[in-house]
C-alpha atoms as a PDB file:
ATOM      1  CA  MET A   1     -45.924  79.007 -64.844  1.00  0.00           C
ATOM      2  CA  LYS A   2     -45.975  79.155 -61.044  1.00  0.00           C
ATOM      3  CA  THR A   3     -43.687  76.887 -59.062  1.00  0.00           C
ATOM      4  CA  PRO A   4     -44.849  75.940 -55.567  1.00  0.00           C
ATOM      5  CA  ALA A   5     -42.710  77.427 -52.815  1.00  0.00           C
ATOM      6  CA  ARG A   6     -42.371  73.906 -51.429  1.00  0.00           C
ATOM      7  CA  ARG A   7     -40.432  72.846 -54.489  1.00  0.00           C
ATOM      8  CA  GLN A   8     -38.429  76.081 -54.676  1.00  0.00           C
ATOM      9  CA  LEU A   9     -37.352  75.668 -51.053  1.00  0.00           C
ATOM     10  CA  GLY A  10     -36.700  71.950 -51.390  1.00  0.00           C
ATOM     11  CA  LEU A  11     -39.262  71.021 -48.731  1.00  0.00           C
ATOM     12  CA  CYS A  12     -41.018  67.656 -48.694  1.00  0.00           C
ATOM     13  CA  LYS A  13     -44.741  67.305 -47.985  1.00  0.00           C
ATOM     14  CA  GLY A  14     -43.925  66.159 -44.435  1.00  0.00           C
ATOM     15  CA  ALA A  15     -41.984  69.352 -43.759  1.00  0.00           C
ATOM     16  CA  ILE A  16     -44.931  71.433 -44.932  1.00  0.00           C
ATOM     17  CA  ALA A  17     -47.299  69.420 -42.708  1.00  0.00           C
ATOM     18  CA  TYR A  18     -44.968  70.014 -39.733  1.00  0.00           C
ATOM     19  CA  LEU A  19     -44.786  73.744 -40.449  1.00  0.00           C
ATOM     20  CA  LYS A  20     -48.586  73.988 -40.588  1.00  0.00           C
ATOM     21  CA  VAL A  21     -48.834  72.364 -37.154  1.00  0.00           C
ATOM     22  CA  ALA A  22     -46.038  74.525 -35.756  1.00  0.00           C
ATOM     23  CA  ILE A  23     -47.622  77.747 -37.003  1.00  0.00           C
ATOM     24  CA  SER A  24     -51.074  76.741 -35.794  1.00  0.00           C
ATOM     25  CA  ASN A  25     -49.657  76.146 -32.295  1.00  0.00           C
ATOM     26  CA  THR A  26     -48.215  79.649 -31.929  1.00  0.00           C
ATOM     27  CA  MET A  27     -50.075  82.454 -30.190  1.00  0.00           C
ATOM     28  CA  GLY A  28     -50.300  86.161 -30.890  1.00  0.00           C
ATOM     29  CA  GLU A  29     -48.058  86.913 -27.903  1.00  0.00           C
ATOM     30  CA  ASP A  30     -45.263  84.937 -29.575  1.00  0.00           C
ATOM     31  CA  PHE A  31     -44.888  87.712 -32.146  1.00  0.00           C
ATOM     32  CA  VAL A  32     -44.467  90.592 -29.690  1.00  0.00           C
ATOM     33  CA  ALA A  33     -41.107  92.346 -29.932  1.00  0.00           C
ATOM     34  CA  GLY A  34     -38.538  90.709 -27.676  1.00  0.00           C
ATOM     35  CA  ARG A  35     -40.408  87.400 -27.474  1.00  0.00           C
ATOM     36  CA  ILE A  36     -39.249  84.098 -28.914  1.00  0.00           C
ATOM     37  CA  CYS A  37     -41.836  82.457 -31.135  1.00  0.00           C
ATOM     38  CA  SER A  38     -42.140  78.822 -30.078  1.00  0.00           C
ATOM     39  CA  PHE A  39     -44.572  76.089 -29.171  1.00  0.00           C
ATOM     40  CA  TRP A  40     -44.376  73.252 -26.694  1.00  0.00           C
ATOM     41  CA  THR A  41     -46.113  69.984 -27.388  1.00  0.00           C
ATOM     42  CA  SER A  42     -45.103  66.343 -27.591  1.00  0.00           C
ATOM     43  CA  VAL A  43     -43.599  64.740 -30.674  1.00  0.00           C
ATOM     44  CA  THR A  44     -46.476  62.239 -30.624  1.00  0.00           C
ATOM     45  CA  LYS A  45     -49.084  65.020 -30.681  1.00  0.00           C
ATOM     46  CA  ILE A  46     -47.286  66.913 -33.454  1.00  0.00           C
ATOM     47  CA  ALA A  47     -47.087  63.734 -35.533  1.00  0.00           C
ATOM     48  CA  ALA A  48     -50.795  63.039 -35.047  1.00  0.00           C
ATOM     49  CA  GLN A  49     -51.787  66.592 -35.979  1.00  0.00           C
ATOM     50  CA  ALA A  50     -49.529  66.567 -39.055  1.00  0.00           C
ATOM     51  CA  GLY A  51     -50.530  63.084 -40.170  1.00  0.00           C
ATOM     52  CA  LEU A  52     -46.913  61.943 -39.948  1.00  0.00           C
ATOM     53  CA  ASP A  53     -45.097  59.070 -38.304  1.00  0.00           C
ATOM     54  CA  ARG A  54     -43.561  59.976 -34.933  1.00  0.00           C
ATOM     55  CA  ARG A  55     -40.111  59.124 -36.315  1.00  0.00           C
ATOM     56  CA  GLN A  56     -40.541  61.667 -39.117  1.00  0.00           C
ATOM     57  CA  VAL A  57     -41.087  64.418 -36.563  1.00  0.00           C
ATOM     58  CA  ALA A  58     -38.376  63.313 -34.149  1.00  0.00           C
END
């Protein structure tokens, strides 16, 4: 029986939705050696893309 990684890691559905948005907002250059992988967008935009309430993201 397979257990979803979400459950194994103790992540809620909202956390998974946030991670999907975060990963989709990164660029190839973020993964070059010596670079910091990050994305810059507003909490409101992240919440809308993830289908979450702004307070859940903040």
